[in-house]
Amino acid sequence: MFGRRSPAAEKVVSMNPEVIFRIESDPGRGSLRMGLGPWCTDDAGYFSPASLAVGVDALLGAQIHLARFTERWTVTSELTIDSFADPEPSARYLDLRTAHLSNDDGGGAGTCEVVTGSGRVIAAGLLRSRYVPPLPEMPREFRFPSNEERTGEPEPKSVLDAIGGRVELAESGALLVVGADSRLRNFSGVLHGGIVSTASSLAGLAALDSSVPKRIARYSVNFVRPVPIDVDAIFEATAVHDGRGFGVSEVIARTAEGKVGSFATVTAYARPGDAPTP
């Protein structure tokens, strides 16, 4: 995500997925802020933990990369988010704060907390990175646009709309298709890991019984190979356990050659008030 400074890298730039999810702060400083709005909700208007993935990937990916003690680059190999509660109705933003970092010869790991303005912790994230050979020179400094700079930018209707996704029913469960869109790339020129995680969690939820509304409680994504950005990305979800109270699903995204690009496990529970009576 960050590289050594060079004259060509002095300019300040912004990343598109972070712009889509209204991330306003520099993750290189140990925390970032994400505005709350329709891009954080499902089609029914409930807060969706799927919307946290881009912020967690941006924050912890940057922190681990900056703390590395090698000239090699870091790429995300695993991202996990545990969601405990929805933000209170009065909340207008979320703060993501780095809680722990570690690095060794194999890569790095970090955790963060997701906190509302009242100080309530609603989620936690964990990210693991591995080392790869140095990528082409990339900007070291960047910032995300302020709300005032977003004038004229279309507002997504939901988190699914924010990633340009559509859900299709499949014999084995569900498919979620993210249309080819260069805005969803990362600095490496492939589909942003946060977008892969968001799509995986939404696909996993779609594969579960919808007769009782469920809320994503946990999703863990392993990144095996880059998911390309120049073709539609397809996330195949299959239910492993599909109970009315809670369910578990597995989600796979493949490369154009049919190889596994990412593998995810998604757990969802019935929303409070909607849980079936024992």
Protein backbone atom coordinates (compact mmCIF):
# COMPACT_ATOMS: atom_id res chain seq x y z
CA MET A 1 0.00 0.00 0.00
CA PHE A 2 2.86 2.36 0.69
CA GLY A 3 6.31 2.65 -0.85
CA ARG A 4 9.52 4.61 -0.44
CA ARG A 5 9.33 8.29 -1.27
CA SER A 6 10.36 9.40 -4.75
CA PRO A 7 9.77 12.60 -6.74
CA ALA A 8 6.99 10.88 -8.68
CA ALA A 9 5.30 9.82 -5.46
CA GLU A 10 5.11 13.18 -3.68
CA LYS A 11 1.54 13.93 -4.68
CA VAL A 12 -1.32 13.10 -2.35
CA VAL A 13 -3.84 10.68 -3.80
CA SER A 14 -6.98 8.91 -2.64
CA MET A 15 -8.11 5.32 -3.02
CA ASN A 16 -11.47 4.66 -4.66
CA PRO A 17 -12.91 1.91 -2.39
CA GLU A 18 -12.17 4.08 0.64
CA VAL A 19 -13.91 6.99 -1.07
CA ILE A 20 -16.99 4.85 -1.74
CA PHE A 21 -17.22 3.95 1.96
CA ARG A 22 -16.66 7.55 3.14
CA ILE A 23 -13.38 6.95 4.92
CA GLU A 24 -12.00 10.34 5.82
CA SER A 25 -8.77 9.81 7.77
CA ASP A 26 -5.25 8.61 6.96
CA PRO A 27 -4.90 4.97 8.09
CA GLY A 28 -1.14 5.46 8.40
CA ARG A 29 -1.76 7.31 11.66
CA GLY A 30 -3.22 4.34 13.52
CA SER A 31 -6.92 5.12 13.19
CA LEU A 32 -9.48 6.16 10.63
CA ARG A 33 -13.06 7.39 10.58
CA MET A 34 -15.87 6.08 8.40
CA GLY A 35 -19.09 7.98 7.93
CA LEU A 36 -22.36 6.13 8.40
CA GLY A 37 -25.00 6.17 5.68
CA PRO A 38 -26.82 3.97 3.14
CA TRP A 39 -23.49 2.48 1.99
CA CYS A 40 -23.41 0.75 5.41
CA THR A 41 -26.88 -0.80 5.27
CA ASP A 42 -28.63 -3.77 3.70
CA ASP A 43 -31.67 -3.45 1.46
CA ALA A 44 -33.96 -3.35 4.51
CA GLY A 45 -32.07 -0.41 6.01
CA TYR A 46 -30.30 -2.36 8.77
CA PHE A 47 -26.61 -1.74 9.45
CA SER A 48 -24.50 -4.35 7.62
CA PRO A 49 -21.17 -5.48 9.14
CA ALA A 50 -20.11 -6.22 5.55
CA SER A 51 -19.45 -2.50 5.19
CA LEU A 52 -16.55 -2.61 7.67
CA ALA A 53 -14.18 -4.65 5.50
CA VAL A 54 -12.70 -1.84 3.39
CA GLY A 55 -11.89 0.21 6.48
CA VAL A 56 -10.34 -2.68 8.39
CA ASP A 57 -8.24 -3.66 5.38
CA ALA A 58 -7.12 -0.06 4.85
CA LEU A 59 -6.23 0.58 8.49
CA LEU A 60 -4.48 -2.64 9.43
CA GLY A 61 -2.92 -3.18 6.01
CA ALA A 62 -1.28 0.24 6.23
CA GLN A 63 -0.17 -0.20 9.84
CA ILE A 64 1.42 -3.60 9.23
CA HIS A 65 3.11 -2.40 6.07
CA LEU A 66 4.60 0.69 7.72
CA ALA A 67 5.88 -1.40 10.65
CA ARG A 68 7.65 -3.96 8.46
CA PHE A 69 11.44 -4.37 8.75
CA THR A 70 12.15 -5.42 5.19
CA GLU A 71 12.07 -3.86 1.73
CA ARG A 72 9.54 -6.44 0.62
CA TRP A 73 5.88 -5.53 0.24
CA THR A 74 2.98 -6.77 2.34
CA VAL A 75 -0.31 -8.06 0.97
CA THR A 76 -3.35 -9.18 2.95
CA SER A 77 -3.55 -12.94 3.36
CA GLU A 78 -6.45 -13.14 5.83
CA LEU A 79 -9.11 -10.73 7.09
CA THR A 80 -11.59 -11.52 9.86
CA ILE A 81 -14.32 -9.32 11.31
CA ASP A 82 -16.42 -10.12 14.38
CA SER A 83 -19.50 -7.95 14.78
CA PHE A 84 -21.14 -7.61 18.20
CA ALA A 85 -23.85 -4.96 17.76
CA ASP A 86 -25.26 -2.33 15.44
CA PRO A 87 -24.35 1.34 15.92
CA GLU A 88 -26.90 3.28 17.95
CA PRO A 89 -29.44 5.16 15.75
CA SER A 90 -27.90 8.51 16.64
CA ALA A 91 -24.39 7.50 15.49
CA ARG A 92 -23.03 9.43 12.51
CA TYR A 93 -19.61 7.82 12.14
CA LEU A 94 -17.41 4.94 13.26
CA ASP A 95 -13.81 5.13 14.45
CA LEU A 96 -11.49 2.23 13.66
CA ARG A 97 -8.54 2.10 16.06
CA THR A 98 -5.47 -0.12 15.88
CA ALA A 99 -5.24 -2.29 19.00
CA HIS A 100 -2.26 -4.59 18.39
CA LEU A 101 0.43 -5.15 15.77
CA SER A 102 3.13 -7.78 15.31
CA ASN A 103 5.70 -8.53 12.61
CA ASP A 104 8.09 -11.39 11.97
CA ASP A 105 10.01 -12.89 9.07
CA GLY A 106 6.84 -14.29 7.53
CA GLY A 107 4.73 -11.14 7.59
CA GLY A 108 2.59 -9.31 10.10
CA ALA A 109 -0.71 -9.27 11.95
CA GLY A 110 -2.87 -6.65 13.57
CA THR A 111 -6.18 -6.15 15.34
CA CYS A 112 -8.49 -3.16 15.60
CA GLU A 113 -11.66 -2.07 17.36
CA VAL A 114 -14.64 -0.41 15.70
CA VAL A 115 -16.12 2.23 18.00
CA THR A 116 -19.10 4.58 17.76
CA GLY A 117 -18.94 8.23 18.79
CA SER A 118 -20.30 7.30 22.23
CA GLY A 119 -17.37 4.94 22.80
CA ARG A 120 -19.30 1.71 22.25
CA VAL A 121 -17.25 -1.09 20.68
CA ILE A 122 -19.44 -2.76 18.03
CA ALA A 123 -16.89 -4.89 16.15
CA ALA A 124 -13.30 -6.09 16.03
CA GLY A 125 -11.07 -6.85 13.08
CA LEU A 126 -8.02 -9.02 12.55
CA LEU A 127 -5.75 -8.89 9.52
CA ARG A 128 -2.74 -10.99 8.59
CA SER A 129 -0.26 -9.97 5.90
CA ARG A 130 2.48 -11.85 4.09
CA TYR A 131 5.53 -10.58 2.26
CA VAL A 132 5.85 -10.48 -1.52
CA PRO A 133 8.56 -9.01 -3.77
CA PRO A 134 8.47 -5.19 -4.03
CA LEU A 135 5.78 -3.82 -6.30
CA PRO A 136 6.30 -0.81 -8.60
CA GLU A 137 6.81 2.50 -6.81
CA MET A 138 3.59 3.73 -5.23
CA PRO A 139 2.60 6.93 -3.41
CA ARG A 140 3.65 7.01 0.23
CA GLU A 141 1.30 9.75 1.30
CA PHE A 142 -2.37 10.05 0.57
CA ARG A 143 -5.54 11.29 2.13
CA PHE A 144 -9.24 10.61 1.73
CA PRO A 145 -11.62 13.36 0.59
CA SER A 146 -13.62 15.27 3.17
CA ASN A 147 -17.40 15.38 3.04
CA GLU A 148 -17.18 18.84 1.48
CA GLU A 149 -15.12 17.42 -1.39
CA ARG A 150 -17.66 14.73 -2.18
CA THR A 151 -20.25 17.05 -3.68
CA GLY A 152 -21.78 15.59 -6.83
CA GLU A 153 -20.71 12.05 -5.97
CA PRO A 154 -23.66 9.63 -6.22
CA GLU A 155 -24.73 8.10 -2.92
CA PRO A 156 -25.06 4.29 -2.88
CA LYS A 157 -28.46 2.93 -1.86
CA SER A 158 -26.96 0.06 0.14
CA VAL A 159 -23.68 -1.76 0.77
CA LEU A 160 -24.49 -4.09 -2.13
CA ASP A 161 -25.07 -1.09 -4.38
CA ALA A 162 -21.82 0.47 -3.15
CA ILE A 163 -19.76 -2.41 -4.55
CA GLY A 164 -21.83 -2.67 -7.72
CA GLY A 165 -23.01 -6.15 -6.79
CA ARG A 166 -26.04 -8.23 -7.65
CA VAL A 167 -27.25 -11.45 -6.05
CA GLU A 168 -28.44 -14.42 -8.08
CA LEU A 169 -29.94 -17.62 -6.71
CA ALA A 170 -28.05 -20.80 -7.53
CA GLU A 171 -28.77 -24.49 -7.07
CA SER A 172 -26.03 -24.75 -4.47
CA GLY A 173 -26.93 -21.53 -2.64
CA ALA A 174 -26.29 -18.09 -4.07
CA LEU A 175 -24.02 -16.19 -6.42
CA LEU A 176 -22.95 -12.61 -5.94
CA VAL A 177 -21.55 -10.88 -9.00
CA VAL A 178 -19.43 -7.73 -8.74
CA GLY A 179 -19.25 -6.04 -12.12
CA ALA A 180 -15.85 -5.15 -13.55
CA ASP A 181 -15.11 -1.63 -12.26
CA SER A 182 -11.69 0.02 -12.09
CA ARG A 183 -12.86 2.09 -9.10
CA LEU A 184 -12.72 -1.06 -6.97
CA ARG A 185 -9.00 -1.69 -7.48
CA ASN A 186 -6.21 -1.45 -4.96
CA PHE A 187 -2.71 -0.07 -5.59
CA SER A 188 -1.71 -3.42 -7.09
CA GLY A 189 -4.35 -3.11 -9.80
CA VAL A 190 -6.55 -6.01 -8.65
CA LEU A 191 -9.83 -6.16 -6.75
CA HIS A 192 -9.41 -4.49 -3.35
CA GLY A 193 -9.25 -6.98 -0.48
CA GLY A 194 -11.91 -5.06 1.39
CA ILE A 195 -14.25 -5.35 -1.58
CA VAL A 196 -13.53 -9.09 -1.83
CA SER A 197 -14.40 -9.43 1.87
CA THR A 198 -17.55 -7.31 1.61
CA ALA A 199 -18.78 -9.33 -1.37
CA SER A 200 -17.92 -12.63 0.34
CA SER A 201 -19.88 -11.77 3.48
CA LEU A 202 -22.93 -10.61 1.50
CA ALA A 203 -22.84 -13.73 -0.67
CA GLY A 204 -22.59 -15.94 2.40
CA LEU A 205 -25.62 -14.28 3.96
CA ALA A 206 -27.61 -14.62 0.73
CA ALA A 207 -27.04 -18.38 0.73
CA LEU A 208 -28.84 -18.80 4.07
CA ASP A 209 -32.53 -19.23 4.84
CA SER A 210 -34.13 -15.80 4.52
CA SER A 211 -37.45 -16.66 6.18
CA VAL A 212 -35.94 -15.31 9.41
CA PRO A 213 -33.90 -12.09 8.89
CA LYS A 214 -30.28 -12.72 9.82
CA ARG A 215 -27.38 -10.46 10.66
CA ILE A 216 -23.75 -11.18 9.76
CA ALA A 217 -21.86 -11.95 12.96
CA ARG A 218 -18.50 -13.08 11.62
CA TYR A 219 -16.68 -13.44 8.34
CA SER A 220 -13.17 -14.67 7.74
CA VAL A 221 -11.59 -14.43 4.29
CA ASN A 222 -8.39 -16.05 3.04
CA PHE A 223 -6.78 -14.44 -0.01
CA VAL A 224 -5.14 -17.13 -2.09
CA ARG A 225 -4.66 -15.38 -5.45
CA PRO A 226 -5.51 -11.89 -6.77
CA VAL A 227 -9.10 -11.48 -7.94
CA PRO A 228 -8.99 -9.64 -11.29
CA ILE A 229 -10.60 -6.25 -11.78
CA ASP A 230 -11.14 -6.30 -15.55
CA VAL A 231 -13.84 -9.01 -15.54
CA ASP A 232 -16.90 -9.66 -13.40
CA ALA A 233 -15.97 -11.22 -10.06
CA ILE A 234 -18.25 -14.11 -9.08
CA PHE A 235 -18.63 -15.23 -5.46
CA GLU A 236 -20.16 -18.71 -5.08
CA ALA A 237 -21.82 -19.29 -1.70
CA THR A 238 -22.94 -22.61 -0.25
CA ALA A 239 -24.71 -23.12 3.08
CA VAL A 240 -22.91 -25.50 5.44
CA HIS A 241 -25.46 -25.16 8.25
CA ASP A 242 -28.77 -23.46 7.47
CA GLY A 243 -30.78 -23.28 10.69
CA ARG A 244 -33.44 -20.72 11.50
CA GLY A 245 -31.52 -19.38 14.49
CA PHE A 246 -28.13 -19.17 12.81
CA GLY A 247 -26.31 -20.38 9.74
CA VAL A 248 -22.83 -20.88 8.35
CA SER A 249 -21.80 -20.68 4.72
CA GLU A 250 -18.67 -20.97 2.61
CA VAL A 251 -17.87 -18.62 -0.24
CA ILE A 252 -15.34 -19.00 -3.06
CA ALA A 253 -14.23 -16.47 -5.66
CA ARG A 254 -12.26 -17.81 -8.61
CA THR A 255 -9.77 -16.39 -11.06
CA ALA A 256 -10.42 -16.30 -14.81
CA GLU A 257 -8.59 -19.65 -14.99
CA GLY A 258 -10.97 -21.21 -12.48
CA LYS A 259 -8.49 -21.30 -9.61
CA VAL A 260 -9.51 -20.22 -6.11
CA GLY A 261 -8.87 -16.52 -5.58
CA SER A 262 -10.43 -16.21 -2.12
CA PHE A 263 -12.14 -18.52 0.36
CA ALA A 264 -14.45 -17.29 3.11
CA THR A 265 -16.51 -18.59 6.01
CA VAL A 266 -19.53 -16.52 7.02
CA THR A 267 -21.67 -16.89 10.17
CA ALA A 268 -25.01 -15.12 10.63
CA TYR A 269 -27.56 -15.13 13.46
CA ALA A 270 -31.24 -14.25 13.55
CA ARG A 271 -31.72 -10.61 14.42
CA PRO A 272 -32.91 -9.87 17.97
CA GLY A 273 -36.69 -9.97 17.97
CA ASP A 274 -36.74 -12.19 14.89
CA ALA A 275 -35.16 -15.28 16.42
CA PRO A 276 -37.42 -18.36 16.39
CA THR A 277 -38.95 -19.51 19.66
CA PRO A 278 -37.22 -22.64 21.04
